Amino acid sequence: MRPAHGAPWDLLVVGGGTAGIVGAKTAAGFGARVLLVERERTGGDCLWTGCVPSKALLAAAGVAATVRDGARYGVHAGRPRVDFAAVMEHVRGAIRTIAPVDSPEALEEAGVTVWTGDLTFTGSQTARVGDREIRFDQALVCTGSAPQLPPVPGLESCDPLTSDTVWDLEQLPGRLAVLGGGAIGCELGQAFARLGAEVVVVEAADRLVPTEDPAASGVVEAALGRDGVRVLTGSKVEEVKAERAGAGHLLLEGGDSVSFDRLLVATGRTPRTDDLGLAVAGVRADERGHVEVDDHLRTSHPRIWAAGDVTGHPQFTHLAGVHGSLAASNAVLGLRRSIDLATNPRVTYTQPEVAAVGVATERAERADDLSVVTWEHAEVDRAVAEGETGGFTRMVLDRRGRILGATVVGPRAGETVGELTLAVRHGMRTRDLAGTTHPYPTWNDGLWRAAVADVRSRLRQGAPERVTRALVAARRRWVGSRAAAAAGQDSAR
């Protein structure tokens, strides 16, 4: 729906990634007149350079690993032959299949008007795209983020790959160095190793995926090692020496070096807020360029909102979608819904996966009023059957047994964490999970067994133990008295 000539748009959406698409469709669904402006292509990083291509690549790599490791299941298939060009075509095919869902045509069908171009705010209720002037009542900034290169001398001279450009590779690198051992670095490093590259992951922190449970970091490092990845943690890169096209070596603190044919940098992202004219619109950004928002996702200007990576909140597609819906609803309906960051789940899609939500284990271990219950997957029948027993399920609990956080490490952990996210959000207790019938045998058996173990532990403590023992004793006496009475009647006969 378009406004009458000269009338303002009800909502201007800047950026056509996940947050922008969801926000625009949400507002249009309410009957608002919505204009979405995207500078390049709708779909955002998730579709073109993030979630979709990476999971397609991981699927291919997983097949290669299964063939390679088949002997441990008694299946001898030999060493897989990887056609890297065909792998990348599979990746592009996944993108092509999903792209129509996020296309301008799909947005137009949903009632959103789409323009292509670079937008600049010219005031608190005006903007410009090329030579076209825009007036709006409310605006939603969803311009996302981009890979950031760290300030390492010589880095740019070796034509480094990022999560944006790695998909342009036409040949599998013989030696791939990955700078950064977070989720992206570990996922792509493991994938390329499984496809046949010689991979080294270099991480400045003392462990991989350093924001996750330390035990999870250990499992991931061991898994990468089994796939042939060399992991260097606690390693700072002092300089990059370029050689031939794309190749070179990293000079590490302490004198060690790592040679590579291509270098992939996965050390963080920066918001795309340059040249938007935010200051002209009265919108404040922090020193890194993230748009400052309140709990309702409103910026420093009451008519302008922000959603997704650009806010500085955790950078996940699922959170961006929630952001977009919430901000658009607040903007066009005048609501005051607040974003909930405490129950935002996250998944690292290595094999095994690492999934987490809520309060972290390390925080719980420092708190007197919290406890941690862990169930090792060596005692999960599905894990034993599939030979994947290295993971675990761990829950953070308060004194009443309410689930405040959880970490799951294992195959399909990203699916398991959904149930735990619901539990955290609604203040459920371990007894709620323990009392719910779960299908057998599944990977979710880990969280159910952990919950049952906690409930049993609580029943053995203090008043609960005294009550249950008293009930058992009373029941025993009652049964005994009934038996004695029955025996007396028999003898009387």
Protein backbone atom coordinates (compact mmCIF):
# COMPACT_ATOMS: atom_id res chain seq x y z
CA MET A 1 0.00 0.00 0.00
CA ARG A 2 1.39 3.39 -1.04
CA PRO A 3 0.55 6.71 0.61
CA ALA A 4 -1.29 9.41 -1.31
CA HIS A 5 0.93 11.81 -3.23
CA GLY A 6 2.95 13.90 -0.80
CA ALA A 7 1.81 11.95 2.27
CA PRO A 8 4.46 10.28 4.47
CA TRP A 9 5.06 6.54 4.64
CA ASP A 10 3.82 5.01 7.88
CA LEU A 11 7.08 3.07 8.21
CA LEU A 12 10.38 3.41 6.37
CA VAL A 13 12.54 0.28 6.71
CA VAL A 14 16.24 0.71 5.93
CA GLY A 15 17.84 -2.62 5.05
CA GLY A 16 16.43 -5.81 3.54
CA GLY A 17 18.00 -8.49 5.71
CA THR A 18 16.12 -10.66 8.20
CA ALA A 19 15.23 -7.83 10.59
CA GLY A 20 14.10 -5.57 7.78
CA ILE A 21 12.06 -8.20 5.96
CA VAL A 22 10.29 -9.38 9.11
CA GLY A 23 9.71 -5.81 10.28
CA ALA A 24 8.35 -4.68 6.90
CA LYS A 25 6.01 -7.68 6.54
CA THR A 26 4.80 -7.29 10.11
CA ALA A 27 3.92 -3.63 9.62
CA ALA A 28 2.32 -4.24 6.22
CA GLY A 29 0.25 -7.03 7.76
CA PHE A 30 -1.21 -4.46 10.15
CA GLY A 31 -2.26 -2.34 7.17
CA ALA A 32 0.60 0.17 7.41
CA ARG A 33 2.07 1.84 4.31
CA VAL A 34 5.62 0.46 4.28
CA LEU A 35 8.63 1.36 2.16
CA LEU A 36 11.72 -0.88 2.38
CA VAL A 37 14.99 0.42 0.93
CA GLU A 38 17.84 -2.06 0.27
CA ARG A 39 21.11 -1.00 -1.32
CA GLU A 40 21.99 -4.34 -2.91
CA ARG A 41 19.79 -7.44 -2.61
CA THR A 42 17.10 -8.48 -0.19
CA GLY A 43 17.74 -11.50 2.02
CA GLY A 44 20.72 -10.14 3.92
CA ASP A 45 23.84 -11.89 5.13
CA CYS A 46 21.89 -14.91 6.39
CA LEU A 47 20.75 -15.86 2.90
CA TRP A 48 23.75 -14.86 0.82
CA THR A 49 26.86 -15.25 3.00
CA GLY A 50 25.81 -16.63 6.39
CA CYS A 51 23.33 -19.21 7.62
CA VAL A 52 22.26 -20.73 4.32
CA PRO A 53 25.60 -21.18 2.52
CA SER A 54 27.46 -22.20 5.66
CA LYS A 55 24.95 -24.92 6.55
CA ALA A 56 24.95 -26.17 2.96
CA LEU A 57 28.77 -26.37 3.10
CA LEU A 58 28.65 -28.10 6.48
CA ALA A 59 26.23 -30.68 5.07
CA ALA A 60 28.62 -31.55 2.25
CA ALA A 61 31.54 -31.68 4.68
CA GLY A 62 29.54 -33.93 6.98
CA VAL A 63 28.96 -36.42 4.18
CA ALA A 64 32.68 -36.44 3.39
CA ALA A 65 33.49 -37.10 7.06
CA THR A 66 30.93 -39.90 7.26
CA VAL A 67 32.46 -41.64 4.24
CA ARG A 68 35.97 -41.16 5.61
CA ASP A 69 35.06 -42.47 9.08
CA GLY A 70 32.77 -45.26 7.93
CA ALA A 71 35.20 -47.95 9.04
CA ARG A 72 34.39 -47.34 12.68
CA TYR A 73 30.83 -48.46 11.89
CA GLY A 74 32.05 -51.41 9.85
CA VAL A 75 31.44 -49.64 6.54
CA HIS A 76 34.58 -49.46 4.38
CA ALA A 77 34.11 -46.88 1.62
CA GLY A 78 37.67 -45.58 1.29
CA ARG A 79 38.84 -42.01 1.09
CA PRO A 80 36.17 -39.68 -0.37
CA ARG A 81 36.89 -37.81 -3.60
CA VAL A 82 35.70 -34.23 -3.18
CA ASP A 83 34.65 -32.24 -6.25
CA PHE A 84 34.93 -28.77 -4.71
CA ALA A 85 33.27 -27.05 -7.66
CA ALA A 86 30.25 -29.33 -7.24
CA VAL A 87 30.22 -28.65 -3.49
CA MET A 88 30.08 -24.92 -4.13
CA GLU A 89 27.34 -25.43 -6.71
CA HIS A 90 25.37 -27.28 -4.01
CA VAL A 91 25.88 -24.24 -1.77
CA ARG A 92 24.69 -21.85 -4.47
CA GLY A 93 21.73 -24.13 -5.20
CA ALA A 94 20.57 -23.85 -1.60
CA ILE A 95 20.73 -20.07 -1.89
CA ARG A 96 18.80 -20.05 -5.17
CA THR A 97 16.07 -22.24 -3.67
CA ILE A 98 15.48 -19.99 -0.66
CA ALA A 99 16.06 -16.61 -2.34
CA PRO A 100 12.51 -16.21 -3.78
CA VAL A 101 11.08 -16.24 -0.25
CA ASP A 102 13.04 -13.06 0.54
CA SER A 103 12.77 -11.45 -2.88
CA PRO A 104 11.38 -7.98 -3.66
CA GLU A 105 8.51 -9.71 -5.45
CA ALA A 106 7.58 -11.64 -2.29
CA LEU A 107 7.75 -8.43 -0.28
CA GLU A 108 5.56 -6.60 -2.79
CA GLU A 109 3.02 -9.44 -2.56
CA ALA A 110 2.99 -8.92 1.21
CA GLY A 111 2.12 -5.24 0.70
CA VAL A 112 5.62 -3.76 1.05
CA THR A 113 7.00 -1.28 -1.49
CA VAL A 114 10.67 -1.98 -2.25
CA TRP A 115 13.25 0.47 -3.56
CA THR A 116 16.88 -0.25 -4.37
CA GLY A 117 19.60 2.27 -3.59
CA ASP A 118 21.67 3.98 -0.92
CA LEU A 119 19.56 5.81 1.64
CA THR A 120 20.65 8.85 3.63
CA PHE A 121 18.60 10.52 6.34
CA THR A 122 18.16 14.23 5.69
CA GLY A 123 16.18 14.92 8.86
CA SER A 124 14.23 13.24 11.64
CA GLN A 125 11.36 12.42 9.25
CA THR A 126 12.95 12.73 5.83
CA ALA A 127 15.45 10.75 3.76
CA ARG A 128 16.81 10.56 0.24
CA VAL A 129 17.46 7.64 -2.11
CA GLY A 130 19.26 8.95 -5.18
CA ASP A 131 17.15 11.84 -6.41
CA ARG A 132 14.00 10.60 -4.67
CA GLU A 133 12.84 12.29 -1.48
CA ILE A 134 11.12 10.29 1.26
CA ARG A 135 8.86 11.45 4.06
CA PHE A 136 8.03 9.04 6.85
CA ASP A 137 6.18 8.94 10.12
CA GLN A 138 8.34 6.18 11.68
CA ALA A 139 11.58 4.55 10.54
CA LEU A 140 13.28 1.24 11.30
CA VAL A 141 17.06 0.94 10.76
CA CYS A 142 18.10 -2.64 9.92
CA THR A 143 21.37 -2.25 8.02
CA GLY A 144 23.14 -5.17 9.70
CA SER A 145 26.86 -5.74 10.05
CA ALA A 146 29.88 -6.69 7.96
CA PRO A 147 33.05 -8.72 8.63
CA GLN A 148 35.77 -6.67 10.32
CA LEU A 149 39.48 -7.06 9.67
CA PRO A 150 41.68 -6.66 12.76
CA PRO A 151 44.50 -4.08 12.62
CA VAL A 152 47.28 -6.59 11.88
CA PRO A 153 50.20 -5.25 9.80
CA GLY A 154 50.24 -6.76 6.31
CA LEU A 155 46.83 -8.42 6.62
CA GLU A 156 45.12 -6.71 3.71
CA SER A 157 48.07 -7.35 1.41
CA CYS A 158 47.29 -11.09 1.25
CA ASP A 159 43.72 -10.67 -0.03
CA PRO A 160 42.13 -12.30 3.05
CA LEU A 161 38.85 -14.16 2.80
CA THR A 162 35.95 -13.35 5.11
CA SER A 163 32.58 -14.97 5.73
CA ASP A 164 31.33 -12.70 2.91
CA THR A 165 33.91 -13.67 0.28
CA VAL A 166 34.82 -17.29 1.06
CA TRP A 167 31.87 -18.36 -1.10
CA ASP A 168 33.66 -17.03 -4.18
CA LEU A 169 36.35 -19.73 -3.93
CA GLU A 170 36.55 -21.93 -7.02
CA GLN A 171 39.26 -24.28 -5.76
CA LEU A 172 39.78 -25.92 -2.40
CA PRO A 173 42.82 -24.31 -0.75
CA GLY A 174 45.60 -26.75 -0.02
CA ARG A 175 46.48 -24.94 3.20
CA LEU A 176 43.89 -22.74 4.88
CA ALA A 177 44.69 -20.59 7.91
CA VAL A 178 41.67 -19.41 9.91
CA LEU A 179 42.20 -16.34 12.05
CA GLY A 180 39.62 -16.50 14.83
CA GLY A 181 38.34 -19.49 16.78
CA GLY A 182 34.79 -18.35 17.46
CA ALA A 183 31.68 -19.96 16.01
CA ILE A 184 32.32 -18.93 12.38
CA GLY A 185 36.01 -19.82 12.45
CA CYS A 186 35.36 -23.24 13.98
CA GLU A 187 32.46 -24.08 11.67
CA LEU A 188 34.26 -23.16 8.47
CA GLY A 189 37.61 -24.50 9.65
CA GLN A 190 36.12 -27.92 10.38
CA ALA A 191 34.17 -27.92 7.11
CA PHE A 192 37.21 -27.17 4.94
CA ALA A 193 39.29 -29.76 6.82
CA ARG A 194 36.63 -32.41 6.21
CA LEU A 195 36.63 -31.50 2.51
CA GLY A 196 40.38 -32.11 2.36
CA ALA A 197 42.16 -28.83 3.13
CA GLU A 198 45.03 -28.64 5.61
CA VAL A 199 43.58 -26.24 8.21
CA VAL A 200 45.11 -24.27 11.08
CA VAL A 201 42.84 -22.27 13.41
CA VAL A 202 44.56 -19.44 15.28
CA GLU A 203 42.76 -17.96 18.30
CA ALA A 204 44.08 -15.25 20.62
CA ALA A 205 42.00 -16.44 23.60
CA ASP A 206 43.08 -19.46 25.61
CA ARG A 207 40.34 -21.67 24.15
CA LEU A 208 38.05 -22.04 21.15
CA VAL A 209 34.50 -20.61 21.25
CA PRO A 210 35.59 -18.64 24.33
CA THR A 211 32.10 -17.31 25.10
CA GLU A 212 30.80 -20.85 25.69
CA ASP A 213 31.12 -23.33 28.54
CA PRO A 214 34.82 -24.28 28.97
CA ALA A 215 33.96 -27.98 28.74
CA ALA A 216 32.20 -27.31 25.44
CA SER A 217 35.35 -25.60 24.16
CA GLY A 218 37.32 -28.73 24.99
CA VAL A 219 34.90 -30.97 23.12
CA VAL A 220 35.02 -28.72 20.04
CA GLU A 221 38.81 -28.59 20.05
CA ALA A 222 39.01 -32.38 20.30
CA ALA A 223 36.51 -32.75 17.45
CA LEU A 224 38.46 -30.39 15.20
CA GLY A 225 41.63 -32.28 16.05
CA ARG A 226 40.07 -35.57 14.96
CA ASP A 227 39.25 -33.93 11.62
CA GLY A 228 42.88 -32.94 11.18
CA VAL A 229 42.61 -29.28 12.20
CA ARG A 230 45.65 -27.86 13.95
CA VAL A 231 44.44 -25.56 16.75
CA LEU A 232 46.62 -22.77 18.14
CA THR A 233 44.97 -21.07 21.11
CA GLY A 234 46.52 -18.26 23.12
CA SER A 235 48.23 -17.18 19.88
CA LYS A 236 48.42 -13.56 18.82
CA VAL A 237 49.24 -12.67 15.20
CA GLU A 238 51.82 -9.88 15.05
CA GLU A 239 52.17 -9.61 11.27
CA VAL A 240 51.09 -11.17 7.99
CA LYS A 241 53.66 -11.68 5.25
CA ALA A 242 52.14 -11.94 1.78
CA GLU A 243 53.72 -14.04 -0.94
CA ARG A 244 51.98 -15.04 -4.17
CA ALA A 245 48.28 -14.37 -4.79
CA GLY A 246 46.45 -14.96 -1.54
CA ALA A 247 49.26 -16.97 0.02
CA GLY A 248 51.69 -16.06 2.78
CA HIS A 249 52.36 -16.77 6.41
CA LEU A 250 51.30 -15.52 9.82
CA LEU A 251 54.00 -14.38 12.21
CA LEU A 252 52.88 -15.23 15.73
CA GLU A 253 53.91 -13.71 19.02
CA GLY A 254 56.85 -15.71 20.30
CA GLY A 255 58.37 -16.32 16.86
CA ASP A 256 56.26 -19.17 15.44
CA SER A 257 54.77 -18.89 11.96
CA VAL A 258 51.89 -20.46 10.02
CA SER A 259 52.06 -20.82 6.25
CA PHE A 260 48.91 -20.71 4.14
CA ASP A 261 47.64 -20.72 0.58
CA ARG A 262 44.58 -18.72 1.64
CA LEU A 263 43.72 -16.89 4.85
CA LEU A 264 40.18 -16.72 6.26
CA VAL A 265 39.54 -13.97 8.82
CA ALA A 266 36.70 -14.56 11.29
CA THR A 267 37.44 -12.19 14.17
CA GLY A 268 34.25 -10.18 14.45
CA ARG A 269 31.84 -7.87 12.66
CA THR A 270 31.17 -4.15 12.53
CA PRO A 271 27.78 -2.40 12.09
CA ARG A 272 26.87 -0.91 8.74
CA THR A 273 26.01 2.63 9.83
CA ASP A 274 28.45 4.77 7.84
CA ASP A 275 26.89 7.31 5.48
CA LEU A 276 23.34 6.80 6.79
CA GLY A 277 23.14 10.33 8.18
CA LEU A 278 22.12 9.10 11.62
CA ALA A 279 23.36 12.23 13.37
CA VAL A 280 21.26 14.40 11.06
CA ALA A 281 18.24 12.33 12.05
CA GLY A 282 19.02 12.72 15.75
CA VAL A 283 20.04 9.09 16.24
CA ARG A 284 22.98 8.34 18.53
CA ALA A 285 25.50 5.58 17.88
CA ASP A 286 28.25 4.29 20.16
CA GLU A 287 31.98 4.46 19.47
CA ARG A 288 31.83 1.26 17.39
CA GLY A 289 28.92 2.53 15.28
CA HIS A 290 26.12 0.48 16.88
CA VAL A 291 22.80 2.31 17.07
CA GLU A 292 21.85 2.91 20.70
CA VAL A 293 18.39 1.53 21.56
CA ASP A 294 16.28 1.12 24.67
CA ASP A 295 14.48 -2.06 25.75
CA HIS A 296 11.73 -1.31 23.20
CA LEU A 297 14.30 -0.92 20.36
CA ARG A 298 13.61 2.81 20.11
CA THR A 299 16.64 4.98 19.30
CA SER A 300 17.47 8.39 20.76
CA HIS A 301 14.91 9.84 18.34
CA PRO A 302 11.34 8.80 19.31
CA ARG A 303 10.25 8.19 15.70
CA ILE A 304 13.22 6.02 14.70
CA TRP A 305 13.82 2.41 15.75
CA ALA A 306 16.57 -0.12 15.09
CA ALA A 307 16.71 -3.92 14.86
CA GLY A 308 19.22 -6.70 14.25
CA ASP A 309 23.02 -6.63 14.24
CA VAL A 310 23.12 -2.85 13.95
CA THR A 311 21.97 -2.56 17.59
CA GLY A 312 24.97 -4.29 19.10
CA HIS A 313 22.75 -7.03 20.54
CA PRO A 314 23.88 -10.64 19.94
CA GLN A 315 24.26 -11.20 16.21
CA PHE A 316 21.90 -14.03 15.35
CA THR A 317 19.38 -14.29 12.54
CA HIS A 318 16.66 -15.58 14.86
CA LEU A 319 17.13 -12.61 17.19
CA ALA A 320 17.08 -10.21 14.24
CA GLY A 321 13.71 -11.63 13.22
CA VAL A 322 12.30 -11.15 16.71
CA HIS A 323 13.79 -7.64 16.74
CA GLY A 324 12.13 -6.75 13.45
CA SER A 325 8.69 -7.95 14.50
CA LEU A 326 8.85 -6.26 17.91
CA ALA A 327 10.20 -2.92 16.66
CA ALA A 328 7.68 -2.73 13.80
CA SER A 329 4.79 -3.52 16.16
CA ASN A 330 5.92 -0.86 18.59
CA ALA A 331 6.42 1.67 15.80
CA VAL A 332 3.12 1.35 13.93
CA LEU A 333 0.82 0.29 16.78
CA GLY A 334 2.26 2.44 19.54
CA LEU A 335 3.01 -0.59 21.74
CA ARG A 336 5.75 -0.81 24.36
CA ARG A 337 6.87 -4.39 24.01
CA SER A 338 10.37 -5.09 25.34
CA ILE A 339 13.05 -7.34 23.90
CA ASP A 340 14.08 -10.36 25.99
CA LEU A 341 17.81 -11.04 25.62
CA ALA A 342 18.03 -13.36 28.63
CA THR A 343 16.43 -16.28 26.78
CA ASN A 344 18.07 -15.89 23.39
CA PRO A 345 19.52 -19.26 22.31
CA ARG A 346 22.71 -19.63 20.30
CA VAL A 347 24.23 -22.53 18.36
CA THR A 348 27.70 -23.24 17.01
CA TYR A 349 27.17 -25.68 14.15
CA THR A 350 30.36 -27.68 14.44
CA GLN A 351 30.11 -31.44 14.73
CA PRO A 352 29.27 -31.89 17.54
CA GLU A 353 27.10 -28.78 17.88
CA VAL A 354 27.26 -26.47 20.88
CA ALA A 355 23.95 -24.90 21.93
CA ALA A 356 23.32 -22.67 24.92
CA VAL A 357 20.74 -20.37 26.47
CA GLY A 358 20.40 -18.23 29.58
CA VAL A 359 22.76 -18.10 32.57
CA ALA A 360 26.25 -19.44 31.84
CA THR A 361 27.88 -22.23 33.81
CA GLU A 362 30.83 -20.06 34.81
CA ARG A 363 28.50 -17.53 36.44
CA ALA A 364 26.65 -20.28 38.28
CA GLU A 365 29.88 -21.66 39.68
CA ARG A 366 30.61 -18.27 41.26
CA ALA A 367 27.14 -17.88 42.81
CA ASP A 368 26.09 -19.40 46.15
CA ASP A 369 22.41 -19.56 45.19
CA LEU A 370 22.88 -21.44 41.91
CA SER A 371 23.81 -25.02 41.09
CA VAL A 372 24.78 -26.99 38.00
CA VAL A 373 23.57 -30.44 36.98
CA THR A 374 25.32 -32.31 34.18
CA TRP A 375 24.48 -35.49 32.29
CA GLU A 376 27.27 -36.97 30.19
CA HIS A 377 26.22 -38.33 26.82
CA ALA A 378 28.16 -41.51 27.49
CA GLU A 379 24.98 -42.37 29.42
CA VAL A 380 22.57 -41.37 26.63
CA ASP A 381 21.54 -44.46 24.69
CA ARG A 382 21.18 -42.64 21.35
CA ALA A 383 24.72 -41.29 21.70
CA VAL A 384 26.04 -44.77 22.51
CA ALA A 385 24.19 -46.27 19.52
CA GLU A 386 25.68 -43.70 17.15
CA GLY A 387 29.15 -43.69 18.70
CA GLU A 388 28.94 -39.98 19.59
CA THR A 389 29.39 -40.03 23.37
CA GLY A 390 31.71 -37.06 23.81
CA GLY A 391 29.01 -34.47 24.55
CA PHE A 392 26.93 -33.52 27.56
CA THR A 393 23.80 -31.71 28.72
CA ARG A 394 24.23 -29.16 31.50
CA MET A 395 21.63 -27.03 33.28
CA VAL A 396 21.99 -24.07 35.64
CA LEU A 397 19.40 -24.12 38.43
CA ASP A 398 18.30 -21.91 41.28
CA ARG A 399 17.53 -23.23 44.76
CA ARG A 400 13.95 -24.07 43.79
CA GLY A 401 15.06 -26.13 40.81
CA ARG A 402 14.07 -23.54 38.21
CA ILE A 403 16.08 -23.79 35.01
CA LEU A 404 17.98 -20.53 34.41
CA GLY A 405 20.38 -21.64 31.70
CA ALA A 406 21.63 -24.64 29.78
CA THR A 407 24.38 -25.90 27.50
CA VAL A 408 24.10 -28.92 25.22
CA VAL A 409 27.04 -30.38 23.30
CA GLY A 410 26.30 -33.09 20.78
CA PRO A 411 24.66 -33.85 17.44
CA ARG A 412 21.45 -31.83 16.92
CA ALA A 413 22.08 -29.80 20.05
CA GLY A 414 20.44 -26.87 18.26
CA GLU A 415 17.16 -28.79 18.27
CA THR A 416 17.48 -29.85 21.91
CA VAL A 417 18.09 -26.31 23.12
CA GLY A 418 14.64 -25.25 21.88
CA GLU A 419 12.96 -27.16 24.71
CA LEU A 420 15.41 -25.71 27.22
CA THR A 421 14.81 -22.19 25.90
CA LEU A 422 11.10 -22.63 26.55
CA ALA A 423 11.89 -23.91 30.04
CA VAL A 424 14.11 -20.92 30.84
CA ARG A 425 11.64 -18.40 29.46
CA HIS A 426 8.71 -19.74 31.46
CA GLY A 427 10.55 -20.43 34.72
CA MET A 428 10.04 -24.19 34.53
CA ARG A 429 11.65 -26.52 37.05
CA THR A 430 13.51 -29.76 36.57
CA ARG A 431 10.44 -31.58 37.91
CA ASP A 432 8.46 -30.20 34.94
CA LEU A 433 10.90 -31.75 32.48
CA ALA A 434 11.26 -34.94 34.52
CA GLY A 435 7.49 -35.38 34.62
CA THR A 436 7.09 -34.96 30.85
CA THR A 437 7.24 -38.09 28.69
CA HIS A 438 10.06 -37.81 26.14
CA PRO A 439 10.43 -40.10 23.11
CA TYR A 440 13.14 -42.75 23.27
CA PRO A 441 15.84 -42.98 22.08
CA THR A 442 16.59 -39.35 21.18
CA TRP A 443 19.32 -36.82 21.86
CA ASN A 444 16.84 -35.00 24.12
CA ASP A 445 17.16 -37.92 26.51
CA GLY A 446 20.17 -36.09 27.97
CA LEU A 447 18.13 -33.18 29.29
CA TRP A 448 15.40 -35.51 30.61
CA ARG A 449 17.93 -37.69 32.42
CA ALA A 450 19.62 -34.60 33.88
CA ALA A 451 16.25 -33.34 35.11
CA VAL A 452 15.36 -36.71 36.66
CA ALA A 453 18.74 -36.85 38.40
CA ASP A 454 18.19 -33.40 39.91
CA VAL A 455 14.67 -34.23 41.10
CA ARG A 456 15.93 -37.42 42.76
CA SER A 457 18.76 -35.51 44.37
CA ARG A 458 16.33 -32.96 45.83
CA LEU A 459 14.11 -35.73 47.18
CA ARG A 460 17.10 -37.05 49.13
CA GLN A 461 17.69 -33.73 50.91
CA GLY A 462 16.22 -32.39 54.17
CA ALA A 463 12.45 -32.15 54.47
CA PRO A 464 11.64 -33.89 51.14
CA GLU A 465 13.68 -36.91 52.20
CA ARG A 466 12.01 -37.04 55.62
CA VAL A 467 8.55 -36.79 54.07
CA THR A 468 9.17 -39.48 51.45
CA ARG A 469 10.74 -41.83 53.97
CA ALA A 470 7.78 -41.27 56.31
CA LEU A 471 5.36 -42.04 53.47
CA VAL A 472 7.22 -45.23 52.58
CA ALA A 473 7.23 -46.31 56.24
CA ALA A 474 3.53 -45.52 56.64
CA ARG A 475 2.72 -47.41 53.49
CA ARG A 476 4.74 -50.38 54.73
CA ARG A 477 2.88 -50.40 58.06
CA TRP A 478 -0.49 -50.15 56.33
CA VAL A 479 0.32 -53.02 53.97
CA GLY A 480 1.63 -55.05 56.90
CA SER A 481 -1.50 -54.47 58.97
CA ARG A 482 -3.72 -55.45 56.04
CA ALA A 483 -1.72 -58.64 55.55
CA ALA A 484 -1.91 -59.50 59.24
CA ALA A 485 -5.66 -58.93 59.29
CA ALA A 486 -6.10 -61.14 56.25
CA ALA A 487 -4.00 -63.88 57.84
CA GLY A 488 -6.10 -63.69 61.05
CA GLN A 489 -9.30 -64.12 59.10
CA ASP A 490 -7.87 -67.13 57.28
CA SER A 491 -6.87 -68.82 60.56
CA ALA A 492 -10.31 -68.13 62.07
CA ARG A 493 -11.89 -70.09 59.28
